[in-house]
Protein backbone atom coordinates (compact mmCIF):
# COMPACT_ATOMS: atom_id res chain seq x y z
CA MET A 1 99.52 95.19 92.01
CA ILE A 2 101.97 92.36 91.38
CA GLN A 3 99.77 89.55 90.10
CA ARG A 4 99.81 86.42 92.28
CA LEU A 5 99.89 83.14 90.43
CA ILE A 6 97.31 81.46 92.62
CA LEU A 7 94.72 84.18 91.92
CA GLY A 8 93.72 82.54 88.65
CA LEU A 9 93.77 79.09 90.26
CA ILE A 10 91.41 80.25 93.00
CA GLU A 11 89.08 81.83 90.44
CA GLN A 12 88.84 78.46 88.68
CA LYS A 13 87.53 76.90 91.90
CA LEU A 14 84.84 79.50 92.59
CA ASP A 15 81.17 78.47 92.38
CA LYS A 16 81.96 74.76 92.71
CA GLY A 17 79.92 74.33 95.88
CA LYS A 18 82.97 74.29 98.14
CA GLY A 19 84.72 76.76 100.41
CA ILE A 20 88.11 78.28 99.57
CA ILE A 21 90.74 78.21 102.33
CA LEU A 22 93.67 80.60 101.90
CA LEU A 23 96.58 79.98 104.27
CA GLY A 24 100.00 81.58 104.57
CA PRO A 25 102.31 83.52 106.89
CA ARG A 26 101.59 87.07 107.93
CA GLN A 27 102.31 89.94 105.54
CA VAL A 28 102.50 87.92 102.33
CA GLY A 29 99.48 89.66 100.80
CA LYS A 30 96.48 87.50 101.69
CA THR A 31 94.23 90.51 102.33
CA THR A 32 95.38 92.11 99.07
CA LEU A 33 94.54 88.88 97.26
CA LEU A 34 91.10 88.76 98.89
CA ASN A 35 90.42 92.33 97.81
CA ALA A 36 91.43 91.46 94.24
CA LEU A 37 88.88 88.65 94.24
CA LEU A 38 86.19 90.83 95.81
CA SER A 39 86.77 93.63 93.31
CA LYS A 40 85.71 91.29 90.51
CA SER A 41 82.40 90.51 92.21
CA PRO A 42 79.93 93.41 92.64
CA ASN A 43 77.93 91.40 95.14
CA SER A 44 80.55 90.64 97.79
CA ILE A 45 81.25 91.28 101.47
CA TYR A 46 84.52 91.39 103.42
CA LEU A 47 84.42 90.37 107.09
CA ASP A 48 87.54 91.26 109.09
CA CYS A 49 87.85 89.09 112.20
CA ASP A 50 90.27 91.55 113.78
CA GLU A 51 87.08 93.52 114.49
CA PRO A 52 85.48 92.45 117.82
CA ASP A 53 81.89 92.78 116.61
CA ILE A 54 82.59 90.55 113.59
CA ARG A 55 84.20 87.94 115.83
CA LYS A 56 81.19 87.99 118.13
CA ARG A 57 78.67 87.57 115.32
CA LEU A 58 80.56 84.67 113.73
CA SER A 59 81.22 82.74 116.95
CA GLU A 60 78.77 79.83 117.14
CA PRO A 61 75.92 81.54 115.21
CA THR A 62 72.70 79.91 114.06
CA SER A 63 72.00 79.59 110.33
CA SER A 64 69.44 82.43 110.64
CA GLU A 65 72.03 84.72 112.23
CA ILE A 66 74.50 83.92 109.47
CA LYS A 67 71.90 84.66 106.78
CA ASN A 68 71.16 88.03 108.40
CA LEU A 69 74.84 88.91 108.46
CA ILE A 70 75.52 87.84 104.87
CA GLY A 71 72.32 89.23 103.40
CA ASP A 72 72.16 88.93 99.61
CA HIS A 73 75.93 88.83 99.10
CA GLN A 74 77.11 85.94 96.97
CA LEU A 75 80.86 86.15 97.65
CA VAL A 76 81.80 86.20 101.34
CA ALA A 77 85.41 86.64 102.45
CA ILE A 78 86.27 86.07 106.12
CA ASP A 79 89.77 87.34 106.89
CA GLU A 80 91.85 86.24 109.92
CA ALA A 81 89.31 83.44 110.33
CA GLN A 82 91.46 81.60 112.88
CA ARG A 83 90.32 84.16 115.45
CA ILE A 84 86.76 82.77 115.38
CA LYS A 85 85.87 80.05 117.86
CA ASN A 86 84.65 76.92 116.05
CA ILE A 87 85.08 78.60 112.67
CA GLY A 88 84.96 75.18 111.00
CA LEU A 89 81.39 74.60 112.12
CA THR A 90 80.39 78.13 111.10
CA ALA A 91 81.91 77.60 107.65
CA LYS A 92 80.12 74.26 107.33
CA LEU A 93 76.78 75.96 108.06
CA ILE A 94 77.41 78.56 105.36
CA ILE A 95 78.47 76.00 102.74
CA ASP A 96 75.65 73.56 103.51
CA LYS A 97 72.77 75.92 104.26
CA ILE A 98 73.36 78.91 101.98
CA LYS A 99 73.95 77.35 98.59
CA LYS A 100 74.23 80.58 96.61
CA VAL A 101 77.20 81.82 98.66
CA GLN A 102 80.84 81.31 97.73
CA LEU A 103 82.82 81.35 100.99
CA ILE A 104 86.51 82.27 101.19
CA LEU A 105 88.37 81.94 104.49
CA SER A 106 91.81 83.42 105.05
CA GLY A 107 94.15 82.78 107.94
CA SER A 108 97.74 83.56 108.81
CA SER A 109 98.51 80.24 110.39
CA ALA A 110 97.92 76.54 109.97
CA LEU A 111 98.21 76.24 113.73
CA GLU A 112 94.54 76.99 114.32
CA LEU A 113 92.68 77.45 111.07
CA ALA A 114 93.64 74.18 109.39
CA ASN A 115 93.18 72.25 112.63
CA THR A 116 89.62 73.52 113.18
CA MET A 117 88.72 73.13 109.50
CA ASN A 118 89.81 69.61 108.67
CA GLU A 119 86.97 67.61 110.19
CA PRO A 120 83.96 69.92 109.64
CA LEU A 121 84.99 70.75 106.06
CA THR A 122 86.05 67.31 104.85
CA GLY A 123 85.09 67.21 101.17
CA ARG A 124 83.82 70.79 101.34
CA LYS A 125 86.95 72.87 100.66
CA PHE A 126 89.76 73.74 98.29
CA GLU A 127 92.92 74.79 100.11
CA PHE A 128 95.59 77.21 98.85
CA LEU A 129 98.88 78.38 100.33
CA LEU A 130 100.18 81.91 99.71
CA LEU A 131 103.89 82.49 100.32
CA PRO A 132 106.18 85.47 99.65
CA PHE A 133 106.57 86.49 96.00
CA SER A 134 108.22 83.99 93.68
CA THR A 135 110.76 84.65 90.95
CA GLN A 136 108.08 83.72 88.39
CA GLU A 137 105.67 86.36 89.71
CA LEU A 138 108.29 89.10 89.69
CA VAL A 139 109.46 88.19 86.18
CA ASN A 140 105.83 88.30 85.03
CA HIS A 141 105.52 91.77 86.57
CA SER A 142 108.68 93.15 84.95
CA ASN A 143 110.90 90.89 82.80
CA LYS A 144 113.82 88.47 83.07
CA LEU A 145 116.45 91.16 82.60
CA GLU A 146 115.11 93.45 85.31
CA GLU A 147 114.55 90.64 87.79
CA GLY A 148 118.02 89.25 87.08
CA ARG A 149 119.46 92.61 88.11
CA GLN A 150 117.76 92.22 91.48
CA LEU A 151 119.23 88.80 92.26
CA GLU A 152 121.64 89.90 94.97
CA GLN A 153 118.90 92.05 96.54
CA ARG A 154 116.64 88.98 96.67
CA LEU A 155 119.38 86.83 98.22
CA ILE A 156 119.86 89.31 101.04
CA TYR A 157 116.40 90.82 101.58
CA GLY A 158 114.08 88.15 100.21
CA PHE A 159 110.63 88.26 98.66
CA TYR A 160 108.13 89.57 101.22
CA PRO A 161 105.83 92.01 99.38
CA ASP A 162 106.47 94.93 101.73
CA VAL A 163 110.22 94.48 101.24
CA VAL A 164 110.06 94.07 97.46
CA LEU A 165 107.79 97.09 97.02
CA HIS A 166 109.96 99.36 99.22
CA PRO A 167 113.54 98.46 98.27
CA GLY A 168 114.95 101.65 99.76
CA GLU A 169 113.55 100.64 103.16
CA ALA A 170 114.20 96.91 102.80
CA LYS A 171 116.24 96.49 105.98
CA ASP A 172 113.76 98.29 108.24
CA ARG A 173 110.73 96.59 106.70
CA LEU A 174 112.33 93.16 106.93
CA SER A 175 113.47 93.69 110.50
CA GLU A 176 109.88 94.52 111.45
CA ILE A 177 108.57 91.37 109.78
CA ALA A 178 111.20 89.18 111.42
CA SER A 179 110.63 90.52 114.92
CA GLY A 180 107.31 90.14 116.75
CA ASN A 181 105.16 89.33 113.71
CA LEU A 182 107.18 86.21 112.98
CA TYR A 183 106.07 84.47 116.16
CA LYS A 184 102.69 86.11 116.74
CA ASP A 185 100.55 83.10 115.82
CA ILE A 186 102.69 80.69 117.79
CA PHE A 187 102.41 82.80 120.93
CA THR A 188 98.68 83.35 120.40
CA TYR A 189 97.54 79.81 119.75
CA GLN A 190 100.09 77.56 121.44
CA ASP A 191 101.29 76.96 124.96
CA ILE A 192 104.86 78.23 124.67
CA ARG A 193 106.60 77.91 128.02
CA ARG A 194 109.94 79.14 126.73
CA PRO A 195 109.22 82.04 124.35
CA ASP A 196 112.86 83.10 124.58
CA LEU A 197 113.83 79.79 122.96
CA LEU A 198 112.25 80.51 119.56
CA PRO A 199 114.68 83.21 118.37
CA ASN A 200 117.63 81.21 119.70
CA LEU A 201 116.40 78.08 117.94
CA LEU A 202 115.86 79.93 114.66
CA GLU A 203 119.33 81.46 114.87
CA ALA A 204 120.85 78.01 115.36
CA ILE A 205 118.88 76.69 112.37
CA ALA A 206 119.85 79.72 110.26
CA ARG A 207 123.53 78.90 110.81
CA GLN A 208 123.04 75.29 109.64
CA ILE A 209 121.50 75.85 106.21
CA GLY A 210 122.74 73.12 103.90
CA ASN A 211 123.80 70.85 106.74
CA GLU A 212 121.95 68.02 108.39
CA VAL A 213 120.10 69.09 111.51
CA SER A 214 120.32 67.00 114.67
CA TYR A 215 117.59 67.46 117.28
CA ASN A 216 119.99 66.15 119.91
CA GLU A 217 122.69 68.65 118.97
CA LEU A 218 120.19 71.50 119.09
CA SER A 219 119.00 70.17 122.44
CA ASN A 220 122.53 70.29 123.83
CA LEU A 221 123.24 73.69 122.32
CA LEU A 222 120.10 75.31 123.71
CA ALA A 223 119.97 73.30 126.96
CA ILE A 224 116.43 72.01 126.44
CA ASP A 225 115.08 68.52 125.81
CA SER A 226 114.94 67.20 122.26
CA GLU A 227 111.17 66.64 122.32
CA THR A 228 110.63 70.36 122.96
CA ILE A 229 113.01 71.11 120.08
CA ARG A 230 110.94 68.86 117.80
CA ARG A 231 107.69 70.49 118.91
CA TYR A 232 108.97 74.03 118.37
CA ILE A 233 110.36 73.16 114.93
CA ASP A 234 106.97 71.69 114.04
CA LEU A 235 105.26 74.94 115.13
CA LEU A 236 107.72 77.04 113.12
CA GLU A 237 107.04 74.89 110.06
CA LYS A 238 103.26 75.19 110.49
CA SER A 239 103.74 78.97 110.67
CA TYR A 240 105.49 78.83 107.27
CA ILE A 241 108.77 80.24 108.57
CA ILE A 242 110.81 77.13 107.81
CA PHE A 243 110.36 73.81 106.03
CA ARG A 244 112.06 70.44 106.41
CA LEU A 245 113.59 68.21 103.76
CA LYS A 246 113.93 64.52 104.49
CA SER A 247 116.77 62.41 103.19
CA PHE A 248 115.97 60.25 100.17
CA SER A 249 116.68 56.54 100.60
CA ARG A 250 115.45 53.40 98.90
CA ASN A 251 117.97 50.65 98.33
CA LEU A 252 121.51 51.48 99.39
CA ARG A 253 122.73 50.40 102.81
CA ASN A 254 124.98 53.42 103.30
CA GLU A 255 122.28 56.04 102.60
CA LEU A 256 121.26 58.35 105.43
CA LYS A 257 117.68 57.31 106.06
CA LYS A 258 116.34 59.50 108.87
CA SER A 259 118.27 62.73 108.45
CA ILE A 260 116.69 66.13 107.81
CA LYS A 261 117.74 69.55 106.59
CA ILE A 262 115.86 72.74 107.42
CA TYR A 263 115.46 75.75 105.14
CA PHE A 264 113.69 79.10 105.37
CA PHE A 265 110.83 80.00 103.08
CA ASP A 266 112.47 83.41 102.71
CA ASN A 267 116.16 84.30 102.56
CA GLY A 268 115.47 87.75 103.97
CA VAL A 269 113.94 86.34 107.14
CA ARG A 270 116.95 84.08 107.60
CA ASN A 271 119.34 87.04 107.25
CA ALA A 272 117.24 89.21 109.55
CA ILE A 273 117.41 86.53 112.27
CA LEU A 274 121.19 86.59 111.98
CA GLY A 275 121.28 90.38 111.68
CA ASN A 276 123.46 90.03 108.60
CA TYR A 277 122.65 92.25 105.63
CA GLN A 278 126.16 92.40 104.20
CA PRO A 279 126.47 92.46 100.39
CA ILE A 280 127.30 89.22 98.62
CA GLU A 281 130.97 90.04 98.01
CA LEU A 282 131.58 90.38 101.76
CA ARG A 283 129.75 87.26 102.91
CA THR A 284 131.16 83.91 103.94
CA ASP A 285 127.79 82.14 103.65
CA VAL A 286 127.05 82.64 99.95
CA GLY A 287 126.81 78.89 99.40
CA ALA A 288 124.18 78.53 102.11
CA LEU A 289 122.26 81.58 100.86
CA TRP A 290 122.23 80.25 97.31
CA GLU A 291 121.14 76.76 98.35
CA ASN A 292 118.29 78.17 100.46
CA PHE A 293 117.26 80.46 97.59
CA CYS A 294 117.23 77.73 94.92
CA ILE A 295 115.36 75.17 96.99
CA SER A 296 112.80 77.58 98.47
CA GLU A 297 112.11 79.03 95.02
CA ARG A 298 111.53 75.57 93.57
CA ILE A 299 109.19 74.81 96.48
CA LYS A 300 107.26 78.05 95.88
CA MET A 301 107.10 77.43 92.14
CA HIS A 302 105.44 74.07 92.72
CA HIS A 303 103.09 75.45 95.38
CA PHE A 304 101.90 78.26 93.13
CA ASN A 305 101.45 75.95 90.15
CA ARG A 306 99.75 73.21 92.21
CA THR A 307 102.38 70.68 91.12
CA GLU A 308 102.46 67.47 93.15
CA VAL A 309 106.13 67.03 94.05
CA LYS A 310 107.99 65.22 96.80
CA SER A 311 111.21 66.96 97.81
CA TYR A 312 114.35 65.46 99.36
CA PHE A 313 118.10 65.70 99.69
CA TRP A 314 120.46 62.71 99.36
CA ARG A 315 123.60 61.78 101.26
CA THR A 316 125.57 58.68 102.15
CA LYS A 317 127.74 57.87 105.12
CA GLN A 318 130.74 58.39 102.82
CA GLN A 319 129.61 62.03 102.30
CA GLN A 320 128.37 61.56 98.74
CA GLU A 321 125.51 64.01 98.38
CA ILE A 322 123.03 65.80 96.17
CA ASP A 323 121.58 69.12 97.31
CA TYR A 324 118.01 68.65 96.16
CA ILE A 325 115.86 65.91 94.62
CA GLU A 326 112.32 66.05 93.30
CA GLU A 327 110.11 63.04 92.76
CA VAL A 328 107.13 63.25 90.38
CA ASN A 329 105.18 60.12 89.45
CA GLY A 330 108.06 57.96 90.62
CA GLU A 331 110.66 59.76 88.48
CA LEU A 332 113.57 61.61 90.09
CA THR A 333 115.25 64.87 89.11
CA ALA A 334 118.47 65.90 90.85
CA PHE A 335 119.78 69.44 91.41
CA GLU A 336 123.04 70.89 92.65
CA CYS A 337 123.06 74.55 93.78
CA LYS A 338 126.31 76.40 93.01
CA TRP A 339 126.55 80.18 93.09
CA ASN A 340 129.60 80.33 90.83
CA ALA A 341 128.84 79.23 87.27
CA ARG A 342 132.45 78.09 86.81
CA THR A 343 132.30 75.58 89.65
CA LYS A 344 132.76 72.07 88.30
CA VAL A 345 130.07 69.65 89.43
CA SER A 346 129.87 65.89 89.03
CA PHE A 347 126.84 63.98 90.23
CA SER A 348 127.42 60.88 92.31
CA SER A 349 127.76 57.80 90.10
CA THR A 350 126.42 55.75 93.02
CA PHE A 351 123.16 57.70 92.86
CA THR A 352 122.86 57.79 89.08
CA LYS A 353 123.53 54.06 88.66
CA GLU A 354 121.10 53.08 91.38
CA TYR A 355 118.21 55.42 90.56
CA GLY A 356 118.64 56.54 86.94
CA PRO A 357 117.30 60.09 87.44
CA LYS A 358 115.23 61.67 84.69
CA GLY A 359 117.41 64.78 84.79
CA MET A 360 120.45 66.23 86.59
CA TYR A 361 120.92 69.97 86.69
CA VAL A 362 123.21 72.57 88.24
CA MET A 363 121.52 75.82 89.26
CA ASN A 364 123.92 78.78 89.27
CA LYS A 365 123.59 82.56 89.18
CA GLU A 366 123.73 82.61 85.38
CA ASN A 367 121.13 79.95 84.54
CA TYR A 368 118.83 79.82 87.60
CA MET A 369 115.80 81.28 85.84
CA GLU A 370 115.65 78.23 83.57
CA TYR A 371 114.64 76.23 86.64
CA LEU A 372 112.38 78.75 88.38
CA LEU A 373 110.10 79.76 85.52
CA SER A 374 107.42 77.19 84.76
């Protein structure tokens, strides 16, 4: 098994009197991670909420019914927990009434699980997010040299475990992930009146990587009101398919203050949506692929290391720009993402004079691991 970075972090939070919530998109290995945790505890039980009888027994049970189900087990893992009605109240009963039990809840979507958990489990949970493999995890599994050889494969097919572990079937495996499974939680838990809009919206977003996204332009393109566009983008973000970056602005009048960019958590999903698996040397979107790769990998690195970081891009009305900015404890670090190591890059003097960033770096195909390995 390729070791997940958050496994050790979760183990550090066990037996602290709080529940563990494991969120993340489908097929990133949450069940595998649960099994790894359970294998280290001889007194554990795995409850799969895809099973109808398990769902029935966990839906609005009494504390006595829960104790009968759990028995003497001290580690209890409830998988696909979002399928249980009022799971937050059930989890609260377990945490409050059965002190010896360490509860772990896993769910494939923040659409339901996080929403039903927040109020009942306030102060009673540690929350973790599992995403597709990171560069750090794959380097740990092999080495820098071997992972560096796979760079173009990662840019095209991404980091989903099923894709990484079956490179000879990468296209088929990725196409399966990016079809029905991609939207399953949205269709299950939300009132989607235009299901045909989601793939069209994602395709439009996929073609705008690296550019500012206008809700009004998407509205005109897809012939639907901008509020619906905003709602669907919010659902896609809560399903961990995409994430938004806001523009950074503090002092300068000509800074873009309300703009956003949208990126995919996984390059492979983005390419699957476009149906484009061409090799790097034949592509016209290498710049967009590289920018999405660098930024999403930095985001994953911070998620898996529990680093508190605020992420932005920066641009002015005069088209001065910086691809990616991180803020930690009030200090800024700026990044430019350039595939070609020979590309000359100069950071905006307007930005550097105004904000005095702690560091300014260019991530290219020759040095990228310096910035993705913590």
